[in-house]
N, C-alpha and C. Protein backbone atom coordinates (compact mmCIF):
# COMPACT_ATOMS: atom_id res chain seq x y z
N MET A 1 5.99 -12.13 -3.08
CA MET A 1 5.31 -11.51 -4.20
C MET A 1 3.81 -11.71 -4.06
N SER A 2 3.06 -10.72 -4.48
CA SER A 2 1.61 -10.77 -4.35
C SER A 2 1.04 -11.91 -5.19
N MET A 3 0.01 -12.54 -4.64
CA MET A 3 -0.64 -13.62 -5.36
C MET A 3 -1.88 -13.13 -6.08
N LEU A 4 -2.11 -11.82 -6.09
CA LEU A 4 -3.27 -11.27 -6.77
C LEU A 4 -3.01 -11.11 -8.25
N GLY A 5 -4.00 -11.46 -9.05
CA GLY A 5 -3.89 -11.26 -10.49
C GLY A 5 -4.28 -9.83 -10.84
N SER A 6 -4.03 -9.46 -12.08
CA SER A 6 -4.33 -8.09 -12.50
C SER A 6 -5.83 -7.79 -12.44
N GLU A 7 -6.67 -8.79 -12.68
CA GLU A 7 -8.12 -8.57 -12.57
C GLU A 7 -8.51 -8.23 -11.14
N GLU A 8 -7.92 -8.95 -10.18
CA GLU A 8 -8.22 -8.68 -8.77
C GLU A 8 -7.72 -7.29 -8.37
N GLN A 9 -6.54 -6.92 -8.87
CA GLN A 9 -6.01 -5.59 -8.58
C GLN A 9 -6.93 -4.51 -9.13
N GLN A 10 -7.38 -4.68 -10.35
CA GLN A 10 -8.27 -3.70 -10.96
C GLN A 10 -9.59 -3.64 -10.21
N ASP A 11 -10.04 -4.79 -9.70
CA ASP A 11 -11.27 -4.81 -8.93
C ASP A 11 -11.10 -4.00 -7.65
N ILE A 12 -9.98 -4.18 -6.95
CA ILE A 12 -9.72 -3.41 -5.74
C ILE A 12 -9.63 -1.93 -6.08
N LYS A 13 -8.91 -1.61 -7.13
CA LYS A 13 -8.78 -0.21 -7.55
C LYS A 13 -10.17 0.36 -7.85
N GLY A 14 -11.00 -0.40 -8.52
CA GLY A 14 -12.36 0.05 -8.82
C GLY A 14 -13.21 0.20 -7.57
N GLN A 15 -13.07 -0.75 -6.64
CA GLN A 15 -13.83 -0.68 -5.40
C GLN A 15 -13.50 0.59 -4.62
N LEU A 16 -12.25 0.99 -4.68
CA LEU A 16 -11.82 2.17 -3.95
C LEU A 16 -12.12 3.45 -4.71
N GLU A 17 -12.62 3.31 -5.94
CA GLU A 17 -12.96 4.47 -6.76
C GLU A 17 -11.82 5.47 -6.76
N PHE A 18 -10.64 5.00 -7.13
CA PHE A 18 -9.43 5.83 -7.06
C PHE A 18 -9.60 7.15 -7.79
N GLN A 19 -10.21 7.12 -8.94
CA GLN A 19 -10.33 8.33 -9.74
C GLN A 19 -11.23 9.37 -9.08
N GLN A 20 -12.16 8.96 -8.20
CA GLN A 20 -13.07 9.89 -7.55
C GLN A 20 -12.65 10.13 -6.10
N GLY A 21 -11.37 10.34 -5.88
CA GLY A 21 -10.90 10.62 -4.52
C GLY A 21 -10.58 9.39 -3.71
N GLY A 22 -10.55 8.24 -4.35
CA GLY A 22 -10.25 6.99 -3.64
C GLY A 22 -8.82 6.90 -3.17
N GLY A 23 -7.95 7.79 -3.66
CA GLY A 23 -6.57 7.79 -3.19
C GLY A 23 -6.52 7.97 -1.69
N LYS A 24 -7.39 8.81 -1.18
CA LYS A 24 -7.47 9.02 0.26
C LYS A 24 -7.88 7.71 0.94
N ARG A 25 -8.80 6.97 0.33
CA ARG A 25 -9.22 5.68 0.88
C ARG A 25 -8.05 4.69 0.89
N VAL A 26 -7.26 4.70 -0.16
CA VAL A 26 -6.11 3.79 -0.21
C VAL A 26 -5.20 4.06 0.98
N ARG A 27 -4.91 5.33 1.23
CA ARG A 27 -4.06 5.69 2.37
C ARG A 27 -4.73 5.33 3.69
N GLN A 28 -6.06 5.51 3.78
CA GLN A 28 -6.78 5.17 5.01
C GLN A 28 -6.73 3.67 5.30
N LEU A 29 -6.69 2.86 4.26
CA LEU A 29 -6.60 1.41 4.42
C LEU A 29 -5.18 0.97 4.77
N ILE A 30 -4.22 1.51 4.05
CA ILE A 30 -2.84 1.02 4.13
C ILE A 30 -2.07 1.61 5.31
N ASP A 31 -2.13 2.91 5.50
CA ASP A 31 -1.25 3.57 6.48
C ASP A 31 -1.39 3.04 7.91
N PRO A 32 -2.60 2.91 8.46
CA PRO A 32 -2.68 2.42 9.84
C PRO A 32 -2.13 1.00 10.00
N ALA A 33 -2.40 0.15 9.03
CA ALA A 33 -1.93 -1.25 9.11
C ALA A 33 -0.41 -1.31 9.05
N VAL A 34 0.18 -0.59 8.11
CA VAL A 34 1.64 -0.59 7.97
C VAL A 34 2.29 0.03 9.20
N ALA A 35 1.72 1.13 9.69
CA ALA A 35 2.27 1.79 10.88
C ALA A 35 2.27 0.84 12.07
N LEU A 36 1.19 0.10 12.24
CA LEU A 36 1.09 -0.84 13.34
C LEU A 36 2.11 -1.98 13.22
N VAL A 37 2.19 -2.56 12.04
CA VAL A 37 3.09 -3.70 11.82
C VAL A 37 4.56 -3.30 11.96
N PHE A 38 4.91 -2.08 11.52
CA PHE A 38 6.31 -1.66 11.57
C PHE A 38 6.62 -0.70 12.72
N ASP A 39 5.64 -0.51 13.61
CA ASP A 39 5.83 0.29 14.83
C ASP A 39 6.34 1.70 14.54
N VAL A 40 5.63 2.39 13.68
CA VAL A 40 5.91 3.80 13.39
C VAL A 40 4.60 4.57 13.48
N ALA A 41 4.69 5.87 13.68
CA ALA A 41 3.49 6.70 13.71
C ALA A 41 2.93 6.82 12.29
N PRO A 42 1.62 6.72 12.12
CA PRO A 42 1.04 6.83 10.77
C PRO A 42 1.45 8.11 10.05
N GLU A 43 1.63 9.20 10.80
CA GLU A 43 2.03 10.48 10.19
C GLU A 43 3.40 10.39 9.51
N GLU A 44 4.25 9.49 10.01
CA GLU A 44 5.58 9.36 9.43
C GLU A 44 5.53 8.80 8.01
N LEU A 45 4.48 8.07 7.69
CA LEU A 45 4.36 7.50 6.34
C LEU A 45 4.10 8.59 5.31
N GLY A 46 3.50 9.68 5.74
CA GLY A 46 3.20 10.77 4.82
C GLY A 46 4.18 11.93 4.93
N ALA A 47 5.23 11.77 5.72
CA ALA A 47 6.18 12.86 5.93
C ALA A 47 6.92 13.19 4.63
N ALA A 48 7.22 14.46 4.48
CA ALA A 48 7.92 14.92 3.27
C ALA A 48 9.38 14.51 3.26
N THR A 49 9.94 14.28 4.44
CA THR A 49 11.35 13.88 4.53
C THR A 49 11.45 12.39 4.83
N ARG A 50 12.63 11.86 4.69
CA ARG A 50 12.86 10.42 4.81
C ARG A 50 12.53 9.89 6.21
N ARG A 51 12.90 10.62 7.25
CA ARG A 51 12.73 10.23 8.66
C ARG A 51 13.68 9.10 9.02
N SER A 52 13.29 8.29 10.01
CA SER A 52 14.14 7.19 10.47
C SER A 52 14.17 6.08 9.42
N PRO A 53 15.20 5.23 9.46
CA PRO A 53 15.22 4.09 8.52
C PRO A 53 13.97 3.21 8.63
N ARG A 54 13.48 3.02 9.85
CA ARG A 54 12.27 2.20 10.04
C ARG A 54 11.07 2.86 9.35
N ALA A 55 10.92 4.18 9.53
CA ALA A 55 9.81 4.89 8.90
C ALA A 55 9.95 4.89 7.38
N ALA A 56 11.18 5.06 6.90
CA ALA A 56 11.41 5.06 5.45
C ALA A 56 11.03 3.70 4.85
N PHE A 57 11.42 2.62 5.52
CA PHE A 57 11.08 1.30 4.99
C PHE A 57 9.57 1.04 5.08
N ALA A 58 8.96 1.47 6.17
CA ALA A 58 7.50 1.31 6.30
C ALA A 58 6.80 2.04 5.16
N ARG A 59 7.26 3.24 4.82
CA ARG A 59 6.69 4.00 3.71
C ARG A 59 6.87 3.23 2.40
N GLN A 60 8.03 2.61 2.23
CA GLN A 60 8.28 1.82 1.02
C GLN A 60 7.29 0.66 0.93
N VAL A 61 7.02 0.03 2.06
CA VAL A 61 6.05 -1.07 2.08
C VAL A 61 4.66 -0.54 1.75
N ALA A 62 4.30 0.61 2.28
CA ALA A 62 2.98 1.20 1.98
C ALA A 62 2.85 1.49 0.49
N MET A 63 3.91 2.03 -0.11
CA MET A 63 3.87 2.31 -1.55
C MET A 63 3.77 1.01 -2.34
N TYR A 64 4.51 0.00 -1.91
CA TYR A 64 4.47 -1.32 -2.54
C TYR A 64 3.04 -1.87 -2.52
N LEU A 65 2.38 -1.80 -1.36
CA LEU A 65 1.02 -2.31 -1.24
C LEU A 65 0.05 -1.55 -2.14
N ALA A 66 0.22 -0.24 -2.20
CA ALA A 66 -0.67 0.57 -3.06
C ALA A 66 -0.51 0.15 -4.53
N HIS A 67 0.71 -0.18 -4.92
CA HIS A 67 0.95 -0.59 -6.30
C HIS A 67 0.52 -2.03 -6.54
N VAL A 68 1.01 -2.94 -5.71
CA VAL A 68 0.82 -4.37 -5.96
C VAL A 68 -0.59 -4.85 -5.60
N VAL A 69 -1.09 -4.44 -4.45
CA VAL A 69 -2.40 -4.93 -4.01
C VAL A 69 -3.53 -4.12 -4.62
N CYS A 70 -3.39 -2.81 -4.60
CA CYS A 70 -4.48 -1.94 -5.08
C CYS A 70 -4.42 -1.70 -6.58
N GLY A 71 -3.33 -2.09 -7.22
CA GLY A 71 -3.24 -1.98 -8.67
C GLY A 71 -3.03 -0.57 -9.19
N LEU A 72 -2.57 0.34 -8.34
CA LEU A 72 -2.31 1.70 -8.80
C LEU A 72 -1.02 1.73 -9.60
N SER A 73 -0.96 2.58 -10.59
CA SER A 73 0.28 2.74 -11.35
C SER A 73 1.32 3.39 -10.44
N MET A 74 2.56 3.28 -10.82
CA MET A 74 3.61 3.90 -10.02
C MET A 74 3.45 5.42 -10.00
N THR A 75 2.95 5.97 -11.06
CA THR A 75 2.69 7.42 -11.10
C THR A 75 1.59 7.77 -10.10
N GLU A 76 0.50 6.98 -10.07
CA GLU A 76 -0.59 7.23 -9.13
C GLU A 76 -0.11 7.10 -7.68
N VAL A 77 0.70 6.08 -7.42
CA VAL A 77 1.24 5.90 -6.07
C VAL A 77 2.14 7.09 -5.71
N GLY A 78 2.95 7.54 -6.66
CA GLY A 78 3.80 8.68 -6.42
C GLY A 78 3.01 9.92 -6.03
N VAL A 79 1.92 10.17 -6.73
CA VAL A 79 1.06 11.31 -6.40
C VAL A 79 0.49 11.14 -4.99
N LEU A 80 0.05 9.94 -4.69
CA LEU A 80 -0.56 9.65 -3.39
C LEU A 80 0.40 9.88 -2.23
N PHE A 81 1.67 9.57 -2.44
CA PHE A 81 2.68 9.70 -1.39
C PHE A 81 3.59 10.92 -1.57
N SER A 82 3.24 11.79 -2.52
CA SER A 82 4.04 12.99 -2.83
C SER A 82 5.49 12.61 -3.14
N ARG A 83 5.64 11.59 -3.98
CA ARG A 83 6.94 11.11 -4.41
C ARG A 83 6.94 10.96 -5.92
N ASP A 84 8.11 10.88 -6.50
CA ASP A 84 8.26 10.64 -7.93
C ASP A 84 8.01 9.16 -8.22
N ARG A 85 7.55 8.85 -9.43
CA ARG A 85 7.30 7.44 -9.78
C ARG A 85 8.57 6.60 -9.70
N THR A 86 9.74 7.20 -9.93
CA THR A 86 10.98 6.44 -9.83
C THR A 86 11.28 6.07 -8.38
N THR A 87 10.85 6.89 -7.45
CA THR A 87 10.98 6.58 -6.02
C THR A 87 10.09 5.40 -5.68
N VAL A 88 8.89 5.37 -6.26
CA VAL A 88 7.97 4.26 -6.05
C VAL A 88 8.57 2.98 -6.63
N ALA A 89 9.13 3.05 -7.81
CA ALA A 89 9.76 1.88 -8.43
C ALA A 89 10.89 1.35 -7.54
N HIS A 90 11.69 2.26 -7.01
CA HIS A 90 12.78 1.86 -6.11
C HIS A 90 12.21 1.20 -4.85
N ALA A 91 11.15 1.78 -4.30
CA ALA A 91 10.52 1.22 -3.10
C ALA A 91 10.05 -0.21 -3.36
N CYS A 92 9.40 -0.42 -4.48
CA CYS A 92 8.91 -1.76 -4.83
C CYS A 92 10.06 -2.76 -4.98
N GLU A 93 11.15 -2.32 -5.59
CA GLU A 93 12.33 -3.19 -5.73
C GLU A 93 12.91 -3.55 -4.37
N VAL A 94 13.02 -2.56 -3.49
CA VAL A 94 13.58 -2.79 -2.15
C VAL A 94 12.72 -3.80 -1.39
N VAL A 95 11.41 -3.62 -1.42
CA VAL A 95 10.52 -4.54 -0.70
C VAL A 95 10.62 -5.94 -1.29
N GLU A 96 10.58 -6.06 -2.61
CA GLU A 96 10.71 -7.38 -3.24
C GLU A 96 12.02 -8.06 -2.85
N ASP A 97 13.12 -7.31 -2.89
CA ASP A 97 14.43 -7.87 -2.52
C ASP A 97 14.46 -8.34 -1.07
N ARG A 98 13.84 -7.57 -0.19
CA ARG A 98 13.88 -7.91 1.23
C ARG A 98 12.90 -9.01 1.61
N ARG A 99 11.99 -9.36 0.71
CA ARG A 99 11.04 -10.43 1.00
C ARG A 99 11.68 -11.81 1.03
N ASP A 100 12.96 -11.87 0.72
CA ASP A 100 13.69 -13.14 0.89
C ASP A 100 13.78 -13.51 2.37
N ASP A 101 13.65 -12.53 3.24
CA ASP A 101 13.63 -12.76 4.69
C ASP A 101 12.24 -13.31 5.04
N PRO A 102 12.17 -14.55 5.57
CA PRO A 102 10.86 -15.17 5.84
C PRO A 102 9.97 -14.34 6.79
N GLU A 103 10.55 -13.73 7.81
CA GLU A 103 9.76 -12.93 8.75
C GLU A 103 9.15 -11.72 8.06
N LEU A 104 9.94 -11.02 7.28
CA LEU A 104 9.42 -9.86 6.55
C LEU A 104 8.37 -10.30 5.53
N ASP A 105 8.63 -11.41 4.86
CA ASP A 105 7.68 -11.91 3.88
C ASP A 105 6.33 -12.20 4.53
N ARG A 106 6.34 -12.78 5.74
CA ARG A 106 5.09 -13.06 6.47
C ARG A 106 4.37 -11.75 6.79
N ARG A 107 5.12 -10.75 7.22
CA ARG A 107 4.51 -9.46 7.55
C ARG A 107 3.85 -8.84 6.32
N VAL A 108 4.58 -8.82 5.21
CA VAL A 108 4.05 -8.20 4.00
C VAL A 108 2.86 -9.00 3.47
N GLU A 109 2.95 -10.32 3.53
CA GLU A 109 1.83 -11.14 3.08
C GLU A 109 0.60 -10.89 3.94
N GLY A 110 0.79 -10.75 5.24
CA GLY A 110 -0.33 -10.43 6.13
C GLY A 110 -0.94 -9.09 5.79
N LEU A 111 -0.10 -8.11 5.48
CA LEU A 111 -0.60 -6.79 5.09
C LEU A 111 -1.35 -6.86 3.77
N GLU A 112 -0.85 -7.66 2.82
CA GLU A 112 -1.55 -7.83 1.54
C GLU A 112 -2.96 -8.38 1.78
N CYS A 113 -3.05 -9.40 2.62
CA CYS A 113 -4.36 -10.00 2.92
C CYS A 113 -5.27 -9.00 3.63
N ALA A 114 -4.72 -8.25 4.58
CA ALA A 114 -5.52 -7.28 5.33
C ALA A 114 -6.05 -6.17 4.43
N VAL A 115 -5.21 -5.63 3.58
CA VAL A 115 -5.64 -4.56 2.68
C VAL A 115 -6.70 -5.08 1.71
N THR A 116 -6.50 -6.27 1.19
CA THR A 116 -7.48 -6.86 0.28
C THR A 116 -8.82 -7.05 0.98
N ALA A 117 -8.79 -7.57 2.21
CA ALA A 117 -10.02 -7.79 2.97
C ALA A 117 -10.72 -6.47 3.29
N LEU A 118 -9.96 -5.48 3.70
CA LEU A 118 -10.55 -4.18 4.02
C LEU A 118 -11.17 -3.52 2.78
N ALA A 119 -10.50 -3.63 1.66
CA ALA A 119 -11.05 -3.06 0.42
C ALA A 119 -12.35 -3.76 0.06
N GLY A 120 -12.38 -5.08 0.23
CA GLY A 120 -13.61 -5.83 -0.04
C GLY A 120 -14.74 -5.43 0.90
N ALA A 121 -14.43 -5.23 2.17
CA ALA A 121 -15.44 -4.82 3.14
C ALA A 121 -15.96 -3.43 2.82
N LEU A 122 -15.08 -2.56 2.39
CA LEU A 122 -15.48 -1.20 2.02
C LEU A 122 -16.42 -1.24 0.81
N ALA A 123 -16.12 -2.10 -0.15
CA ALA A 123 -16.97 -2.22 -1.34
C ALA A 123 -18.33 -2.79 -0.95
N TRP A 124 -18.34 -3.75 -0.04
CA TRP A 124 -19.61 -4.32 0.41
C TRP A 124 -20.45 -3.26 1.09
N ARG A 125 -19.81 -2.46 1.93
CA ARG A 125 -20.54 -1.39 2.64
C ARG A 125 -21.16 -0.42 1.65
N ARG A 126 -20.39 -0.07 0.62
CA ARG A 126 -20.87 0.88 -0.39
C ARG A 126 -22.05 0.28 -1.17
N ARG A 127 -21.97 -1.01 -1.50
CA ARG A 127 -23.04 -1.67 -2.27
C ARG A 127 -24.31 -1.79 -1.45
N SER A 128 -24.19 -2.01 -0.14
CA SER A 128 -25.38 -2.24 0.69
C SER A 128 -25.98 -0.93 1.21
N SER A 129 -25.39 0.18 0.89
CA SER A 129 -25.94 1.48 1.34
C SER A 129 -27.06 1.94 0.47
């Protein structure tokens, strides 16, 4: 489970300026990292169909990160991934349930840290411009 508080999530969401097209930034931060960690093509995360089980789970992790780390509502995540909010809720449940596996938990925790760090670096770049 994410160790970020709601204030930190809102800060990340604000840094990414989600309302002003930051949804694209969220995907730019999350998709390459998740694709690399789960060995799938980044395009598979945005595919309209389920694809392979590995790609489907990687997409679930990406949706989970967008919700838990970036603080997006399930509806916002659904729009971002062209899915219904109930699909996002299911994805978050699946990832939480599977985090009982120590190896998967380490992977997801690493992704949480990476996305948080990248969002912070992006905010710093924007502030120093």
